[in-house]
Amino acid sequence: MGAWGIGIFDNDDAADFLGEYEAGGVGAVIEAFEDVIASASAGYVDADVGAIGLAAAEIVGTSLGQPSDDLGEDERNVIRLHEADVAGSADARGLAPRTVDVVVTDDGTSELYDMWTESDSLAEWLGVVNGLRERLNGGTL
């Protein structure tokens, strides 16, 4: 995974997922969540799967009117293409927080989390991800 920052879309996998979302809409979001949950059930979430799951969760948060302050205009424009469908999907709304919880676990089952623990930016990344979690939960943890 090539990463250039701590933001949700600041890596190749998440950035590429925007193209999948553009083509597949809410179906791509739900599929990303299902991939994370299936991987976790199998015992390990690879970094690319986790990064895409977080990107899908950010799409849900933004579609619900809770975008990250760091979200770029290009990303916002792509998310707007299907935001009504995403916001209206009970599956997407329900799976987004669960996906974040699965990806951001320190029990050795999330490669993405493990990669961030090996960096000097773990605390900053956790701040970004916890902000996403809070926005998905309506501003409360």
N, C-alpha and C. Protein backbone atom coordinates (compact mmCIF):
# COMPACT_ATOMS: atom_id res chain seq x y z
N MET A 1 0.85 -1.18 0.00
CA MET A 1 0.00 0.00 0.00
C MET A 1 0.89 1.23 0.00
N GLY A 2 0.78 2.05 -1.02
CA GLY A 2 1.48 3.32 -1.03
C GLY A 2 0.67 4.36 -0.30
N ALA A 3 1.26 4.97 0.71
CA ALA A 3 0.57 6.01 1.49
C ALA A 3 1.39 7.28 1.47
N TRP A 4 0.71 8.41 1.43
CA TRP A 4 1.41 9.70 1.42
C TRP A 4 0.93 10.61 2.54
N GLY A 5 0.05 10.11 3.37
CA GLY A 5 -0.45 10.91 4.48
C GLY A 5 -1.31 10.06 5.39
N ILE A 6 -1.86 10.68 6.42
CA ILE A 6 -2.66 9.96 7.40
C ILE A 6 -4.16 9.98 7.10
N GLY A 7 -4.56 10.73 6.08
CA GLY A 7 -5.98 10.82 5.75
C GLY A 7 -6.53 9.51 5.21
N ILE A 8 -7.81 9.36 5.29
CA ILE A 8 -8.48 8.13 4.84
C ILE A 8 -8.18 7.84 3.38
N PHE A 9 -8.14 8.86 2.53
CA PHE A 9 -7.89 8.65 1.10
C PHE A 9 -6.43 8.89 0.72
N ASP A 10 -5.54 8.99 1.69
CA ASP A 10 -4.13 9.26 1.42
C ASP A 10 -3.32 7.98 1.20
N ASN A 11 -3.89 7.04 0.46
CA ASN A 11 -3.18 5.83 0.08
C ASN A 11 -3.76 5.31 -1.23
N ASP A 12 -2.97 4.52 -1.93
CA ASP A 12 -3.36 4.04 -3.25
C ASP A 12 -4.67 3.25 -3.25
N ASP A 13 -4.83 2.36 -2.28
CA ASP A 13 -6.01 1.50 -2.27
C ASP A 13 -7.29 2.30 -2.09
N ALA A 14 -7.29 3.23 -1.14
CA ALA A 14 -8.48 4.05 -0.90
C ALA A 14 -8.76 4.97 -2.07
N ALA A 15 -7.70 5.56 -2.63
CA ALA A 15 -7.88 6.45 -3.77
C ALA A 15 -8.45 5.68 -4.96
N ASP A 16 -7.94 4.47 -5.19
CA ASP A 16 -8.45 3.64 -6.29
C ASP A 16 -9.90 3.23 -6.05
N PHE A 17 -10.27 3.04 -4.79
CA PHE A 17 -11.64 2.65 -4.48
C PHE A 17 -12.65 3.70 -4.92
N LEU A 18 -12.25 4.95 -4.94
CA LEU A 18 -13.18 5.99 -5.41
C LEU A 18 -13.67 5.69 -6.82
N GLY A 19 -12.80 5.15 -7.67
CA GLY A 19 -13.21 4.76 -9.02
C GLY A 19 -14.23 3.63 -8.99
N GLU A 20 -14.02 2.66 -8.10
CA GLU A 20 -14.98 1.57 -7.95
C GLU A 20 -16.32 2.11 -7.46
N TYR A 21 -16.26 3.03 -6.52
CA TYR A 21 -17.48 3.64 -5.99
C TYR A 21 -18.19 4.44 -7.09
N GLU A 22 -17.43 5.17 -7.88
CA GLU A 22 -18.03 5.96 -8.96
C GLU A 22 -18.82 5.07 -9.90
N ALA A 23 -18.28 3.89 -10.19
CA ALA A 23 -18.95 2.96 -11.11
C ALA A 23 -20.04 2.14 -10.42
N GLY A 24 -19.83 1.77 -9.16
CA GLY A 24 -20.72 0.82 -8.51
C GLY A 24 -21.62 1.37 -7.43
N GLY A 25 -21.42 2.62 -7.04
CA GLY A 25 -22.30 3.25 -6.05
C GLY A 25 -22.35 2.52 -4.72
N VAL A 26 -23.53 2.50 -4.13
CA VAL A 26 -23.70 1.92 -2.80
C VAL A 26 -23.33 0.44 -2.78
N GLY A 27 -23.49 -0.24 -3.89
CA GLY A 27 -23.10 -1.66 -3.96
C GLY A 27 -21.62 -1.85 -3.70
N ALA A 28 -20.80 -0.96 -4.22
CA ALA A 28 -19.35 -1.04 -3.99
C ALA A 28 -19.03 -0.79 -2.52
N VAL A 29 -19.75 0.10 -1.90
CA VAL A 29 -19.54 0.41 -0.47
C VAL A 29 -19.87 -0.82 0.38
N ILE A 30 -21.02 -1.40 0.14
CA ILE A 30 -21.44 -2.57 0.91
C ILE A 30 -20.48 -3.74 0.67
N GLU A 31 -20.05 -3.93 -0.56
CA GLU A 31 -19.09 -4.99 -0.86
C GLU A 31 -17.78 -4.78 -0.10
N ALA A 32 -17.33 -3.54 -0.01
CA ALA A 32 -16.10 -3.24 0.74
C ALA A 32 -16.28 -3.62 2.21
N PHE A 33 -17.43 -3.29 2.78
CA PHE A 33 -17.69 -3.65 4.18
C PHE A 33 -17.74 -5.17 4.36
N GLU A 34 -18.41 -5.84 3.45
CA GLU A 34 -18.52 -7.30 3.53
C GLU A 34 -17.15 -7.96 3.41
N ASP A 35 -16.26 -7.41 2.57
CA ASP A 35 -14.90 -7.95 2.45
C ASP A 35 -14.15 -7.84 3.77
N VAL A 36 -14.27 -6.69 4.43
CA VAL A 36 -13.60 -6.51 5.73
C VAL A 36 -14.14 -7.51 6.75
N ILE A 37 -15.44 -7.62 6.83
CA ILE A 37 -16.05 -8.48 7.84
C ILE A 37 -15.75 -9.95 7.56
N ALA A 38 -15.77 -10.35 6.29
CA ALA A 38 -15.43 -11.74 5.94
C ALA A 38 -13.96 -12.02 6.26
N SER A 39 -13.09 -11.08 5.96
CA SER A 39 -11.67 -11.26 6.28
C SER A 39 -11.45 -11.39 7.78
N ALA A 40 -12.13 -10.55 8.54
CA ALA A 40 -12.00 -10.62 10.00
C ALA A 40 -12.51 -11.96 10.52
N SER A 41 -13.59 -12.45 9.94
CA SER A 41 -14.13 -13.75 10.35
C SER A 41 -13.14 -14.87 10.05
N ALA A 42 -12.35 -14.68 8.98
CA ALA A 42 -11.33 -15.67 8.61
C ALA A 42 -10.06 -15.49 9.43
N GLY A 43 -9.96 -14.40 10.21
CA GLY A 43 -8.85 -14.23 11.12
C GLY A 43 -7.87 -13.13 10.83
N TYR A 44 -7.95 -12.51 9.63
CA TYR A 44 -6.95 -11.47 9.32
C TYR A 44 -7.46 -10.56 8.22
N VAL A 45 -7.34 -9.25 8.44
CA VAL A 45 -7.75 -8.25 7.44
C VAL A 45 -6.48 -7.66 6.83
N ASP A 46 -6.27 -7.93 5.54
CA ASP A 46 -5.11 -7.37 4.83
C ASP A 46 -5.22 -5.85 4.75
N ALA A 47 -4.07 -5.20 4.60
CA ALA A 47 -4.03 -3.73 4.60
C ALA A 47 -4.90 -3.13 3.51
N ASP A 48 -4.86 -3.70 2.31
CA ASP A 48 -5.66 -3.13 1.23
C ASP A 48 -7.14 -3.23 1.51
N VAL A 49 -7.57 -4.35 2.05
CA VAL A 49 -8.98 -4.54 2.40
C VAL A 49 -9.39 -3.55 3.49
N GLY A 50 -8.52 -3.37 4.48
CA GLY A 50 -8.81 -2.42 5.56
C GLY A 50 -8.88 -0.98 5.07
N ALA A 51 -7.93 -0.60 4.21
CA ALA A 51 -7.91 0.77 3.68
C ALA A 51 -9.16 1.05 2.85
N ILE A 52 -9.59 0.08 2.08
CA ILE A 52 -10.80 0.24 1.27
C ILE A 52 -12.03 0.30 2.18
N GLY A 53 -12.04 -0.51 3.24
CA GLY A 53 -13.15 -0.45 4.19
C GLY A 53 -13.27 0.90 4.85
N LEU A 54 -12.13 1.49 5.23
CA LEU A 54 -12.17 2.82 5.83
C LEU A 54 -12.63 3.86 4.82
N ALA A 55 -12.20 3.72 3.56
CA ALA A 55 -12.65 4.65 2.51
C ALA A 55 -14.16 4.56 2.34
N ALA A 56 -14.69 3.34 2.33
CA ALA A 56 -16.14 3.16 2.21
C ALA A 56 -16.85 3.79 3.40
N ALA A 57 -16.28 3.63 4.59
CA ALA A 57 -16.88 4.25 5.78
C ALA A 57 -16.85 5.78 5.68
N GLU A 58 -15.78 6.32 5.14
CA GLU A 58 -15.71 7.78 4.94
C GLU A 58 -16.77 8.23 3.94
N ILE A 59 -17.03 7.43 2.93
CA ILE A 59 -18.08 7.74 1.97
C ILE A 59 -19.43 7.79 2.68
N VAL A 60 -19.67 6.86 3.57
CA VAL A 60 -20.93 6.86 4.33
C VAL A 60 -21.02 8.11 5.21
N GLY A 61 -19.97 8.39 5.95
CA GLY A 61 -19.98 9.58 6.81
C GLY A 61 -20.25 10.86 6.03
N THR A 62 -19.57 10.98 4.90
CA THR A 62 -19.75 12.17 4.06
C THR A 62 -21.17 12.22 3.50
N SER A 63 -21.68 11.07 3.07
CA SER A 63 -23.04 11.01 2.52
C SER A 63 -24.09 11.37 3.55
N LEU A 64 -23.76 11.16 4.82
CA LEU A 64 -24.69 11.50 5.91
C LEU A 64 -24.51 12.94 6.39
N GLY A 65 -23.71 13.71 5.65
CA GLY A 65 -23.52 15.12 6.00
C GLY A 65 -22.45 15.35 7.04
N GLN A 66 -21.58 14.37 7.25
CA GLN A 66 -20.52 14.46 8.25
C GLN A 66 -19.16 14.24 7.59
N PRO A 67 -18.77 15.07 6.64
CA PRO A 67 -17.48 14.87 5.97
C PRO A 67 -16.31 15.26 6.87
N SER A 68 -15.18 14.67 6.59
CA SER A 68 -13.95 15.07 7.27
C SER A 68 -13.56 16.47 6.80
N ASP A 69 -13.02 17.25 7.70
CA ASP A 69 -12.53 18.58 7.32
C ASP A 69 -11.39 18.48 6.31
N ASP A 70 -10.71 17.34 6.28
CA ASP A 70 -9.57 17.14 5.40
C ASP A 70 -9.95 16.55 4.05
N LEU A 71 -11.21 16.28 3.83
CA LEU A 71 -11.64 15.66 2.57
C LEU A 71 -11.50 16.66 1.43
N GLY A 72 -10.82 16.23 0.39
CA GLY A 72 -10.58 17.10 -0.76
C GLY A 72 -11.82 17.28 -1.62
N GLU A 73 -11.83 18.34 -2.38
CA GLU A 73 -12.98 18.63 -3.24
C GLU A 73 -13.19 17.55 -4.30
N ASP A 74 -12.12 16.98 -4.83
CA ASP A 74 -12.25 15.90 -5.82
C ASP A 74 -12.98 14.71 -5.22
N GLU A 75 -12.59 14.33 -4.00
CA GLU A 75 -13.25 13.21 -3.33
C GLU A 75 -14.72 13.54 -3.05
N ARG A 76 -14.98 14.75 -2.58
CA ARG A 76 -16.37 15.15 -2.30
C ARG A 76 -17.24 15.07 -3.56
N ASN A 77 -16.68 15.50 -4.68
CA ASN A 77 -17.44 15.47 -5.93
C ASN A 77 -17.80 14.05 -6.34
N VAL A 78 -16.87 13.12 -6.17
CA VAL A 78 -17.16 11.72 -6.51
C VAL A 78 -18.20 11.16 -5.54
N ILE A 79 -18.05 11.44 -4.27
CA ILE A 79 -18.99 10.92 -3.27
C ILE A 79 -20.40 11.43 -3.53
N ARG A 80 -20.53 12.66 -3.97
CA ARG A 80 -21.85 13.24 -4.25
C ARG A 80 -22.62 12.48 -5.32
N LEU A 81 -21.91 11.77 -6.19
CA LEU A 81 -22.58 11.06 -7.29
C LEU A 81 -23.63 10.08 -6.79
N HIS A 82 -23.37 9.44 -5.67
CA HIS A 82 -24.28 8.41 -5.15
C HIS A 82 -24.67 8.65 -3.69
N GLU A 83 -24.47 9.86 -3.20
CA GLU A 83 -24.63 10.08 -1.76
C GLU A 83 -26.05 9.82 -1.27
N ALA A 84 -27.07 10.12 -2.07
CA ALA A 84 -28.44 9.86 -1.61
C ALA A 84 -28.68 8.36 -1.44
N ASP A 85 -28.17 7.56 -2.36
CA ASP A 85 -28.32 6.10 -2.25
C ASP A 85 -27.56 5.56 -1.05
N VAL A 86 -26.36 6.08 -0.82
CA VAL A 86 -25.55 5.63 0.31
C VAL A 86 -26.24 6.03 1.62
N ALA A 87 -26.66 7.29 1.71
CA ALA A 87 -27.31 7.77 2.94
C ALA A 87 -28.60 7.00 3.21
N GLY A 88 -29.27 6.57 2.16
CA GLY A 88 -30.53 5.85 2.32
C GLY A 88 -30.39 4.36 2.58
N SER A 89 -29.17 3.86 2.55
CA SER A 89 -28.94 2.43 2.72
C SER A 89 -28.73 2.08 4.19
N ALA A 90 -29.69 1.36 4.76
CA ALA A 90 -29.54 0.91 6.14
C ALA A 90 -28.33 -0.01 6.29
N ASP A 91 -28.06 -0.82 5.28
CA ASP A 91 -26.90 -1.71 5.33
C ASP A 91 -25.60 -0.90 5.42
N ALA A 92 -25.47 0.10 4.56
CA ALA A 92 -24.25 0.92 4.57
C ALA A 92 -24.10 1.64 5.91
N ARG A 93 -25.18 2.21 6.40
CA ARG A 93 -25.12 2.94 7.68
C ARG A 93 -24.78 2.00 8.84
N GLY A 94 -25.28 0.79 8.80
CA GLY A 94 -25.03 -0.15 9.89
C GLY A 94 -23.65 -0.79 9.84
N LEU A 95 -23.17 -1.06 8.64
CA LEU A 95 -21.88 -1.74 8.50
C LEU A 95 -20.68 -0.80 8.63
N ALA A 96 -20.86 0.48 8.38
CA ALA A 96 -19.73 1.41 8.41
C ALA A 96 -19.03 1.45 9.77
N PRO A 97 -19.74 1.68 10.88
CA PRO A 97 -19.04 1.73 12.17
C PRO A 97 -18.41 0.39 12.55
N ARG A 98 -19.09 -0.67 12.22
CA ARG A 98 -18.55 -2.01 12.51
C ARG A 98 -17.25 -2.24 11.76
N THR A 99 -17.20 -1.80 10.51
CA THR A 99 -16.00 -1.95 9.70
C THR A 99 -14.84 -1.17 10.30
N VAL A 100 -15.10 0.05 10.73
CA VAL A 100 -14.04 0.84 11.36
C VAL A 100 -13.51 0.12 12.59
N ASP A 101 -14.40 -0.42 13.39
CA ASP A 101 -13.97 -1.13 14.60
C ASP A 101 -13.10 -2.34 14.25
N VAL A 102 -13.45 -3.06 13.20
CA VAL A 102 -12.69 -4.24 12.80
C VAL A 102 -11.30 -3.86 12.30
N VAL A 103 -11.22 -2.80 11.52
CA VAL A 103 -9.93 -2.39 10.95
C VAL A 103 -9.01 -1.79 12.01
N VAL A 104 -9.60 -1.08 12.95
CA VAL A 104 -8.79 -0.39 13.95
C VAL A 104 -8.80 -1.21 15.24
N THR A 105 -8.12 -2.34 15.17
CA THR A 105 -8.00 -3.20 16.33
C THR A 105 -6.54 -3.57 16.53
N ASP A 106 -6.15 -3.65 17.76
CA ASP A 106 -4.74 -3.92 18.06
C ASP A 106 -4.50 -5.36 18.49
N ASP A 107 -5.34 -6.28 18.02
CA ASP A 107 -5.21 -7.68 18.43
C ASP A 107 -4.43 -8.53 17.43
N GLY A 108 -3.76 -7.87 16.48
CA GLY A 108 -2.95 -8.61 15.52
C GLY A 108 -3.71 -9.15 14.33
N THR A 109 -4.98 -8.77 14.18
CA THR A 109 -5.78 -9.27 13.06
C THR A 109 -5.97 -8.25 11.95
N SER A 110 -5.41 -7.05 12.11
CA SER A 110 -5.54 -5.99 11.11
C SER A 110 -4.16 -5.55 10.64
N GLU A 111 -3.83 -5.90 9.41
CA GLU A 111 -2.53 -5.54 8.87
C GLU A 111 -2.36 -4.02 8.79
N LEU A 112 -3.44 -3.31 8.45
CA LEU A 112 -3.35 -1.86 8.34
C LEU A 112 -2.99 -1.25 9.70
N TYR A 113 -3.67 -1.70 10.74
CA TYR A 113 -3.35 -1.20 12.09
C TYR A 113 -1.89 -1.53 12.43
N ASP A 114 -1.50 -2.75 12.16
CA ASP A 114 -0.12 -3.15 12.47
C ASP A 114 0.90 -2.30 11.71
N MET A 115 0.60 -1.97 10.46
CA MET A 115 1.51 -1.12 9.68
C MET A 115 1.64 0.26 10.32
N TRP A 116 0.53 0.80 10.79
CA TRP A 116 0.58 2.12 11.42
C TRP A 116 1.32 2.09 12.75
N THR A 117 1.27 0.96 13.46
CA THR A 117 2.00 0.87 14.72
C THR A 117 3.50 0.92 14.49
N GLU A 118 3.93 0.54 13.29
CA GLU A 118 5.35 0.56 12.95
C GLU A 118 5.81 1.93 12.44
N SER A 119 4.90 2.87 12.35
CA SER A 119 5.24 4.21 11.86
C SER A 119 5.34 5.18 13.03
N ASP A 120 5.80 6.37 12.73
CA ASP A 120 5.85 7.43 13.74
C ASP A 120 4.54 8.21 13.81
N SER A 121 3.55 7.80 13.02
CA SER A 121 2.32 8.58 12.90
C SER A 121 1.09 7.85 13.43
N LEU A 122 1.28 6.83 14.25
CA LEU A 122 0.13 6.06 14.75
C LEU A 122 -0.88 6.96 15.45
N ALA A 123 -0.43 7.81 16.34
CA ALA A 123 -1.36 8.65 17.10
C ALA A 123 -2.17 9.56 16.18
N GLU A 124 -1.51 10.14 15.18
CA GLU A 124 -2.22 11.03 14.24
C GLU A 124 -3.23 10.24 13.41
N TRP A 125 -2.83 9.05 12.94
CA TRP A 125 -3.74 8.21 12.15
C TRP A 125 -4.94 7.81 13.00
N LEU A 126 -4.69 7.41 14.25
CA LEU A 126 -5.80 7.06 15.13
C LEU A 126 -6.73 8.24 15.35
N GLY A 127 -6.17 9.45 15.40
CA GLY A 127 -7.01 10.64 15.53
C GLY A 127 -7.95 10.79 14.34
N VAL A 128 -7.43 10.54 13.15
CA VAL A 128 -8.25 10.62 11.93
C VAL A 128 -9.33 9.54 11.96
N VAL A 129 -8.95 8.32 12.27
CA VAL A 129 -9.90 7.21 12.26
C VAL A 129 -10.93 7.35 13.39
N ASN A 130 -10.49 7.80 14.54
CA ASN A 130 -11.46 8.01 15.63
C ASN A 130 -12.41 9.16 15.31
N GLY A 131 -11.93 10.15 14.56
CA GLY A 131 -12.83 11.21 14.09
C GLY A 131 -13.88 10.65 13.16
N LEU A 132 -13.48 9.75 12.28
CA LEU A 132 -14.43 9.07 11.39
C LEU A 132 -15.44 8.29 12.22
N ARG A 133 -14.96 7.54 13.17
CA ARG A 133 -15.85 6.75 14.03
C ARG A 133 -16.88 7.66 14.72
N GLU A 134 -16.41 8.78 15.24
CA GLU A 134 -17.30 9.71 15.92
C GLU A 134 -18.34 10.28 14.95
N ARG A 135 -17.91 10.64 13.75
CA ARG A 135 -18.87 11.18 12.78
C ARG A 135 -19.89 10.14 12.37
N LEU A 136 -19.49 8.89 12.27
CA LEU A 136 -20.45 7.82 11.93
C LEU A 136 -21.45 7.57 13.05
N ASN A 137 -21.04 7.88 14.27
CA ASN A 137 -21.93 7.69 15.41
C ASN A 137 -22.67 8.98 15.78
N GLY A 138 -22.76 9.89 14.83
CA GLY A 138 -23.54 11.11 15.04
C GLY A 138 -22.89 12.11 15.97
N GLY A 139 -21.56 12.05 16.08
CA GLY A 139 -20.86 13.02 16.90
C GLY A 139 -20.64 12.58 18.33
N THR A 140 -21.05 11.35 18.66
CA THR A 140 -20.83 10.86 20.01
C THR A 140 -20.17 9.50 19.94
N LEU A 141 -19.30 9.25 20.90
CA LEU A 141 -18.67 7.92 21.00
C LEU A 141 -19.25 7.14 22.15
